[in-house]
Amino acid sequence: MPNNTYVITEIVGVSATSISDAIYNAVARANQTLKALDWFEVREVRGTIVKGTVGQYQVTLAAGFRYLTDDEMRAWVKN
């Protein structure tokens, strides 16, 4: 396994449907902006209550993305 260096960022996903959808939404959106996302960890689950029922699921994730080598960066830019 190569030596990697990671940045950890915190993101929050939201869904009116489920915790799983909130996680998916957070990862999918972060992937549009961040390169080399490799992993996530669920740190917190919470939600809102609207008129006595679940209104929204909110999931806080720690997401790790790699610092890319020069070769990886060139390959990424080509794609």
N, C-alpha and C. Protein backbone atom coordinates (compact mmCIF):
# COMPACT_ATOMS: atom_id res chain seq x y z
N MET A 1 0.84 -1.17 0.00
CA MET A 1 0.00 0.00 0.00
C MET A 1 0.89 1.24 0.00
N PRO A 2 0.64 2.17 -0.90
CA PRO A 2 1.48 3.36 -0.95
C PRO A 2 1.26 4.24 0.27
N ASN A 3 2.25 5.07 0.53
CA ASN A 3 2.11 6.04 1.62
C ASN A 3 1.21 7.16 1.13
N ASN A 4 0.16 7.42 1.86
CA ASN A 4 -0.78 8.48 1.49
C ASN A 4 -0.88 9.49 2.62
N THR A 5 -1.20 10.71 2.24
CA THR A 5 -1.49 11.76 3.21
C THR A 5 -2.90 12.22 2.95
N TYR A 6 -3.69 12.34 4.01
CA TYR A 6 -5.10 12.68 3.87
C TYR A 6 -5.44 14.00 4.53
N VAL A 7 -6.45 14.63 3.98
CA VAL A 7 -7.11 15.76 4.61
C VAL A 7 -8.45 15.24 5.08
N ILE A 8 -8.85 15.63 6.27
CA ILE A 8 -10.16 15.25 6.79
C ILE A 8 -11.02 16.50 6.85
N THR A 9 -12.19 16.40 6.24
CA THR A 9 -13.13 17.50 6.27
C THR A 9 -14.46 17.01 6.81
N GLU A 10 -15.23 17.90 7.36
CA GLU A 10 -16.53 17.52 7.91
C GLU A 10 -17.63 18.04 6.98
N ILE A 11 -18.55 17.16 6.64
CA ILE A 11 -19.66 17.54 5.77
C ILE A 11 -20.96 17.03 6.38
N VAL A 12 -22.05 17.66 6.02
CA VAL A 12 -23.37 17.26 6.54
C VAL A 12 -24.27 16.96 5.36
N GLY A 13 -24.82 15.76 5.35
CA GLY A 13 -25.80 15.37 4.33
C GLY A 13 -27.20 15.44 4.90
N VAL A 14 -28.13 15.77 4.05
CA VAL A 14 -29.52 15.95 4.47
C VAL A 14 -30.43 15.16 3.54
N SER A 15 -31.47 14.57 4.09
CA SER A 15 -32.48 13.87 3.29
C SER A 15 -33.81 13.87 4.03
N ALA A 16 -34.86 13.97 3.28
CA ALA A 16 -36.20 13.83 3.86
C ALA A 16 -36.62 12.36 3.92
N THR A 17 -35.81 11.47 3.32
CA THR A 17 -36.18 10.07 3.17
C THR A 17 -35.55 9.14 4.20
N SER A 18 -34.20 9.22 4.35
CA SER A 18 -33.53 8.25 5.23
C SER A 18 -32.11 8.71 5.58
N ILE A 19 -31.56 8.04 6.58
CA ILE A 19 -30.17 8.28 6.96
C ILE A 19 -29.25 7.88 5.81
N SER A 20 -29.53 6.74 5.19
CA SER A 20 -28.70 6.28 4.06
C SER A 20 -28.69 7.30 2.93
N ASP A 21 -29.84 7.86 2.62
CA ASP A 21 -29.90 8.87 1.57
C ASP A 21 -29.14 10.13 1.96
N ALA A 22 -29.17 10.49 3.24
CA ALA A 22 -28.41 11.66 3.70
C ALA A 22 -26.91 11.43 3.51
N ILE A 23 -26.44 10.22 3.82
CA ILE A 23 -25.03 9.88 3.61
C ILE A 23 -24.70 9.93 2.12
N TYR A 24 -25.53 9.30 1.31
CA TYR A 24 -25.32 9.29 -0.13
C TYR A 24 -25.26 10.72 -0.69
N ASN A 25 -26.18 11.56 -0.27
CA ASN A 25 -26.22 12.94 -0.75
C ASN A 25 -24.96 13.70 -0.37
N ALA A 26 -24.47 13.50 0.85
CA ALA A 26 -23.25 14.19 1.28
C ALA A 26 -22.05 13.75 0.46
N VAL A 27 -21.89 12.45 0.28
CA VAL A 27 -20.74 11.93 -0.47
C VAL A 27 -20.83 12.34 -1.94
N ALA A 28 -22.00 12.23 -2.53
CA ALA A 28 -22.15 12.58 -3.95
C ALA A 28 -21.85 14.05 -4.20
N ARG A 29 -22.32 14.91 -3.32
CA ARG A 29 -22.08 16.35 -3.49
C ARG A 29 -20.61 16.69 -3.26
N ALA A 30 -20.00 16.12 -2.22
CA ALA A 30 -18.58 16.38 -1.96
C ALA A 30 -17.72 15.90 -3.11
N ASN A 31 -18.11 14.79 -3.72
CA ASN A 31 -17.35 14.24 -4.85
C ASN A 31 -17.37 15.16 -6.07
N GLN A 32 -18.34 16.05 -6.17
CA GLN A 32 -18.38 17.00 -7.27
C GLN A 32 -17.30 18.07 -7.14
N THR A 33 -16.82 18.29 -5.92
CA THR A 33 -15.86 19.36 -5.65
C THR A 33 -14.49 18.84 -5.26
N LEU A 34 -14.43 17.78 -4.48
CA LEU A 34 -13.17 17.28 -3.95
C LEU A 34 -12.66 16.12 -4.79
N LYS A 35 -11.36 16.10 -5.02
CA LYS A 35 -10.72 14.98 -5.73
C LYS A 35 -10.25 13.95 -4.72
N ALA A 36 -10.20 12.71 -5.16
CA ALA A 36 -9.59 11.61 -4.41
C ALA A 36 -10.25 11.35 -3.05
N LEU A 37 -11.57 11.47 -2.99
CA LEU A 37 -12.28 11.06 -1.78
C LEU A 37 -12.12 9.55 -1.62
N ASP A 38 -11.68 9.11 -0.47
CA ASP A 38 -11.42 7.69 -0.27
C ASP A 38 -12.28 7.05 0.81
N TRP A 39 -12.72 7.79 1.80
CA TRP A 39 -13.46 7.16 2.90
C TRP A 39 -14.31 8.19 3.63
N PHE A 40 -15.24 7.67 4.42
CA PHE A 40 -16.02 8.53 5.30
C PHE A 40 -16.31 7.79 6.59
N GLU A 41 -16.62 8.57 7.62
CA GLU A 41 -17.01 8.03 8.92
C GLU A 41 -18.21 8.84 9.40
N VAL A 42 -19.26 8.14 9.80
CA VAL A 42 -20.43 8.83 10.35
C VAL A 42 -20.09 9.28 11.76
N ARG A 43 -20.19 10.57 11.99
CA ARG A 43 -19.86 11.13 13.30
C ARG A 43 -21.10 11.44 14.13
N GLU A 44 -22.18 11.84 13.47
CA GLU A 44 -23.38 12.25 14.20
C GLU A 44 -24.61 12.07 13.32
N VAL A 45 -25.68 11.65 13.93
CA VAL A 45 -26.97 11.56 13.24
C VAL A 45 -27.97 12.38 14.04
N ARG A 46 -28.70 13.21 13.37
CA ARG A 46 -29.74 14.01 14.01
C ARG A 46 -30.82 14.29 12.97
N GLY A 47 -31.84 15.01 13.35
CA GLY A 47 -32.89 15.33 12.41
C GLY A 47 -33.80 16.41 12.95
N THR A 48 -34.77 16.71 12.15
CA THR A 48 -35.78 17.69 12.55
C THR A 48 -37.11 16.98 12.72
N ILE A 49 -37.93 17.57 13.56
CA ILE A 49 -39.28 17.06 13.77
C ILE A 49 -40.24 18.14 13.32
N VAL A 50 -41.14 17.75 12.44
CA VAL A 50 -42.14 18.68 11.91
C VAL A 50 -43.52 18.07 12.16
N LYS A 51 -44.32 18.77 12.91
CA LYS A 51 -45.68 18.32 13.23
C LYS A 51 -45.71 16.88 13.74
N GLY A 52 -44.77 16.56 14.62
CA GLY A 52 -44.77 15.27 15.28
C GLY A 52 -44.19 14.12 14.48
N THR A 53 -43.59 14.38 13.34
CA THR A 53 -42.99 13.32 12.54
C THR A 53 -41.61 13.77 12.05
N VAL A 54 -40.84 12.83 11.56
CA VAL A 54 -39.51 13.17 11.05
C VAL A 54 -39.64 14.05 9.82
N GLY A 55 -39.01 15.21 9.90
CA GLY A 55 -39.02 16.12 8.76
C GLY A 55 -37.79 15.96 7.90
N GLN A 56 -36.66 15.66 8.56
CA GLN A 56 -35.40 15.63 7.82
C GLN A 56 -34.37 14.84 8.62
N TYR A 57 -33.57 14.06 7.93
CA TYR A 57 -32.43 13.38 8.54
C TYR A 57 -31.18 14.19 8.20
N GLN A 58 -30.32 14.38 9.19
CA GLN A 58 -29.07 15.10 8.99
C GLN A 58 -27.94 14.22 9.53
N VAL A 59 -26.93 13.99 8.69
CA VAL A 59 -25.83 13.11 9.06
C VAL A 59 -24.51 13.88 8.89
N THR A 60 -23.74 13.98 9.96
CA THR A 60 -22.43 14.61 9.89
C THR A 60 -21.40 13.53 9.61
N LEU A 61 -20.60 13.76 8.57
CA LEU A 61 -19.56 12.81 8.17
C LEU A 61 -18.19 13.45 8.26
N ALA A 62 -17.21 12.67 8.65
CA ALA A 62 -15.81 13.03 8.44
C ALA A 62 -15.45 12.33 7.13
N ALA A 63 -14.95 13.08 6.17
CA ALA A 63 -14.58 12.51 4.88
C ALA A 63 -13.09 12.73 4.65
N GLY A 64 -12.42 11.70 4.19
CA GLY A 64 -10.98 11.78 3.93
C GLY A 64 -10.70 11.81 2.44
N PHE A 65 -9.89 12.77 2.04
CA PHE A 65 -9.43 12.79 0.65
C PHE A 65 -7.93 12.93 0.63
N ARG A 66 -7.33 12.31 -0.38
CA ARG A 66 -5.88 12.19 -0.50
C ARG A 66 -5.26 13.43 -1.14
N TYR A 67 -4.09 13.79 -0.64
CA TYR A 67 -3.23 14.70 -1.40
C TYR A 67 -2.69 13.88 -2.55
N LEU A 68 -2.83 14.39 -3.77
CA LEU A 68 -2.40 13.65 -4.95
C LEU A 68 -0.93 13.93 -5.27
N THR A 69 -0.26 12.90 -5.79
CA THR A 69 1.09 13.10 -6.30
C THR A 69 0.99 13.89 -7.60
N ASP A 70 2.10 14.37 -8.10
CA ASP A 70 2.09 15.11 -9.37
C ASP A 70 1.55 14.24 -10.51
N ASP A 71 1.97 12.97 -10.54
CA ASP A 71 1.48 12.06 -11.59
C ASP A 71 -0.02 11.82 -11.47
N GLU A 72 -0.50 11.64 -10.25
CA GLU A 72 -1.95 11.45 -10.05
C GLU A 72 -2.72 12.70 -10.46
N MET A 73 -2.18 13.86 -10.15
CA MET A 73 -2.85 15.12 -10.50
C MET A 73 -2.92 15.26 -12.02
N ARG A 74 -1.83 14.97 -12.73
CA ARG A 74 -1.85 15.05 -14.21
C ARG A 74 -2.87 14.09 -14.79
N ALA A 75 -2.92 12.86 -14.25
CA ALA A 75 -3.89 11.87 -14.73
C ALA A 75 -5.32 12.35 -14.46
N TRP A 76 -5.54 12.95 -13.28
CA TRP A 76 -6.87 13.44 -12.92
C TRP A 76 -7.32 14.54 -13.86
N VAL A 77 -6.42 15.45 -14.19
CA VAL A 77 -6.75 16.58 -15.06
C VAL A 77 -7.10 16.08 -16.47
N LYS A 78 -6.44 15.03 -16.94
CA LYS A 78 -6.73 14.47 -18.28
C LYS A 78 -8.14 13.90 -18.35
N ASN A 79 -8.63 13.38 -17.23
CA ASN A 79 -9.97 12.78 -17.22
C ASN A 79 -10.96 13.88 -17.10
